[in-house]
Amino acid sequence: TVPKVTLKKQFNPKLSATASRTLGTNPKSNAKAQYKFNNNWSVIGFWDSVESTSSDEQGKQTDKIGLDLEYRVQFK
């Protein structure tokens, strides 16, 4: 189990953001922003980062970024 700090912000009904970071030997950070066009369509941008603190790879950081288009359908 690794402690994690998370911050969330709802700017308005259409735009929200989340950022988090783990606390430990190999800290991981991530951020996500979501914009809802309507009830069905939204776009999500994200960033993930992992820092290596092991002696052979100290200071090495791996980043990933992406953009997703999401379509939702609600079933009854």
C-alpha atoms as a PDB file:
ATOM      1  CA  THR A   1       0.000   0.000   0.000  1.00  0.00           C
ATOM      2  CA  VAL A   2       1.341   3.386  -1.039  1.00  0.00           C
ATOM      3  CA  PRO A   3      -0.055   6.721   0.227  1.00  0.00           C
ATOM      4  CA  LYS A   4      -1.496   8.935  -2.500  1.00  0.00           C
ATOM      5  CA  VAL A   5      -2.430  12.630  -2.561  1.00  0.00           C
ATOM      6  CA  THR A   6      -5.243  13.613  -4.946  1.00  0.00           C
ATOM      7  CA  LEU A   7      -6.619  17.036  -5.859  1.00  0.00           C
ATOM      8  CA  LYS A   8      -9.879  17.449  -7.780  1.00  0.00           C
ATOM      9  CA  LYS A   9     -11.478  20.595  -9.154  1.00  0.00           C
ATOM     10  CA  GLN A  10     -14.816  21.046 -10.919  1.00  0.00           C
ATOM     11  CA  PHE A  11     -14.469  24.373 -12.763  1.00  0.00           C
ATOM     12  CA  ASN A  12     -17.983  24.315 -14.212  1.00  0.00           C
ATOM     13  CA  PRO A  13     -20.477  21.576 -15.187  1.00  0.00           C
ATOM     14  CA  LYS A  14     -18.504  20.858 -18.374  1.00  0.00           C
ATOM     15  CA  LEU A  15     -14.849  21.108 -17.251  1.00  0.00           C
ATOM     16  CA  SER A  16     -13.089  19.160 -14.487  1.00  0.00           C
ATOM     17  CA  ALA A  17      -9.479  18.310 -13.584  1.00  0.00           C
ATOM     18  CA  THR A  18      -7.760  15.793 -11.321  1.00  0.00           C
ATOM     19  CA  ALA A  19      -4.107  15.536 -10.256  1.00  0.00           C
ATOM     20  CA  SER A  20      -2.487  12.961  -7.984  1.00  0.00           C
ATOM     21  CA  ARG A  21       0.925  11.842  -6.731  1.00  0.00           C
ATOM     22  CA  THR A  22       2.005   8.767  -4.814  1.00  0.00           C
ATOM     23  CA  LEU A  23       4.407   9.059  -1.908  1.00  0.00           C
ATOM     24  CA  GLY A  24       7.046   6.366  -1.822  1.00  0.00           C
ATOM     25  CA  THR A  25      10.267   5.086  -3.308  1.00  0.00           C
ATOM     26  CA  ASN A  26       9.104   5.369  -6.954  1.00  0.00           C
ATOM     27  CA  PRO A  27       6.744   8.368  -7.026  1.00  0.00           C
ATOM     28  CA  LYS A  28       4.064   8.405  -9.715  1.00  0.00           C
ATOM     29  CA  SER A  29       2.239  11.544 -10.816  1.00  0.00           C
ATOM     30  CA  ASN A  30      -0.753  11.889 -13.079  1.00  0.00           C
ATOM     31  CA  ALA A  31      -3.192  14.526 -14.219  1.00  0.00           C
ATOM     32  CA  LYS A  32      -6.446  14.356 -16.141  1.00  0.00           C
ATOM     33  CA  ALA A  33      -8.712  17.042 -17.586  1.00  0.00           C
ATOM     34  CA  GLN A  34     -12.167  16.333 -18.985  1.00  0.00           C
ATOM     35  CA  TYR A  35     -14.391  18.576 -21.079  1.00  0.00           C
ATOM     36  CA  LYS A  36     -17.976  17.427 -21.688  1.00  0.00           C
ATOM     37  CA  PHE A  37     -19.516  18.618 -24.954  1.00  0.00           C
ATOM     38  CA  ASN A  38     -22.886  17.142 -23.977  1.00  0.00           C
ATOM     39  CA  ASN A  39     -24.216  14.106 -22.049  1.00  0.00           C
ATOM     40  CA  ASN A  40     -22.767  11.689 -24.617  1.00  0.00           C
ATOM     41  CA  TRP A  41     -19.506  13.194 -25.910  1.00  0.00           C
ATOM     42  CA  SER A  42     -16.427  14.317 -23.998  1.00  0.00           C
ATOM     43  CA  VAL A  43     -12.705  14.763 -24.562  1.00  0.00           C
ATOM     44  CA  ILE A  44     -10.169  13.652 -21.931  1.00  0.00           C
ATOM     45  CA  GLY A  45      -6.519  14.692 -21.805  1.00  0.00           C
ATOM     46  CA  PHE A  46      -4.111  12.927 -19.478  1.00  0.00           C
ATOM     47  CA  TRP A  47      -0.473  12.872 -18.358  1.00  0.00           C
ATOM     48  CA  ASP A  48       1.309  10.112 -16.402  1.00  0.00           C
ATOM     49  CA  SER A  49       4.832  10.291 -15.000  1.00  0.00           C
ATOM     50  CA  VAL A  50       6.980   7.758 -13.125  1.00  0.00           C
ATOM     51  CA  GLU A  51      10.243   8.733 -11.436  1.00  0.00           C
ATOM     52  CA  SER A  52      12.885   6.106 -10.766  1.00  0.00           C
ATOM     53  CA  THR A  53      14.833   6.455  -7.526  1.00  0.00           C
ATOM     54  CA  SER A  54      16.789   3.192  -7.735  1.00  0.00           C
ATOM     55  CA  SER A  55      20.579   3.590  -7.616  1.00  0.00           C
ATOM     56  CA  ASP A  56      21.175   2.448 -11.221  1.00  0.00           C
ATOM     57  CA  GLU A  57      18.456   4.659 -12.780  1.00  0.00           C
ATOM     58  CA  GLN A  58      18.308   7.552 -10.333  1.00  0.00           C
ATOM     59  CA  GLY A  59      16.615  10.636 -11.709  1.00  0.00           C
ATOM     60  CA  LYS A  60      15.146   8.848 -14.740  1.00  0.00           C
ATOM     61  CA  GLN A  61      11.602   9.954 -15.511  1.00  0.00           C
ATOM     62  CA  THR A  62       9.116   8.347 -17.892  1.00  0.00           C
ATOM     63  CA  ASP A  63       6.222  10.476 -19.176  1.00  0.00           C
ATOM     64  CA  LYS A  64       3.106   9.522 -21.110  1.00  0.00           C
ATOM     65  CA  ILE A  65       0.541  11.922 -22.532  1.00  0.00           C
ATOM     66  CA  GLY A  66      -2.668  11.219 -24.369  1.00  0.00           C
ATOM     67  CA  LEU A  67      -5.991  12.450 -25.597  1.00  0.00           C
ATOM     68  CA  ASP A  68      -9.182  10.392 -25.669  1.00  0.00           C
ATOM     69  CA  LEU A  69     -12.533  11.037 -27.263  1.00  0.00           C
ATOM     70  CA  GLU A  70     -15.285   9.397 -25.215  1.00  0.00           C
ATOM     71  CA  TYR A  71     -18.822   8.495 -26.272  1.00  0.00           C
ATOM     72  CA  ARG A  72     -21.282   7.308 -23.604  1.00  0.00           C
ATOM     73  CA  VAL A  73     -24.593   5.550 -23.923  1.00  0.00           C
ATOM     74  CA  GLN A  74     -26.860   5.126 -20.920  1.00  0.00           C
ATOM     75  CA  PHE A  75     -28.826   1.896 -20.655  1.00  0.00           C
ATOM     76  CA  LYS A  76     -31.981   1.507 -18.595  1.00  0.00           C
END
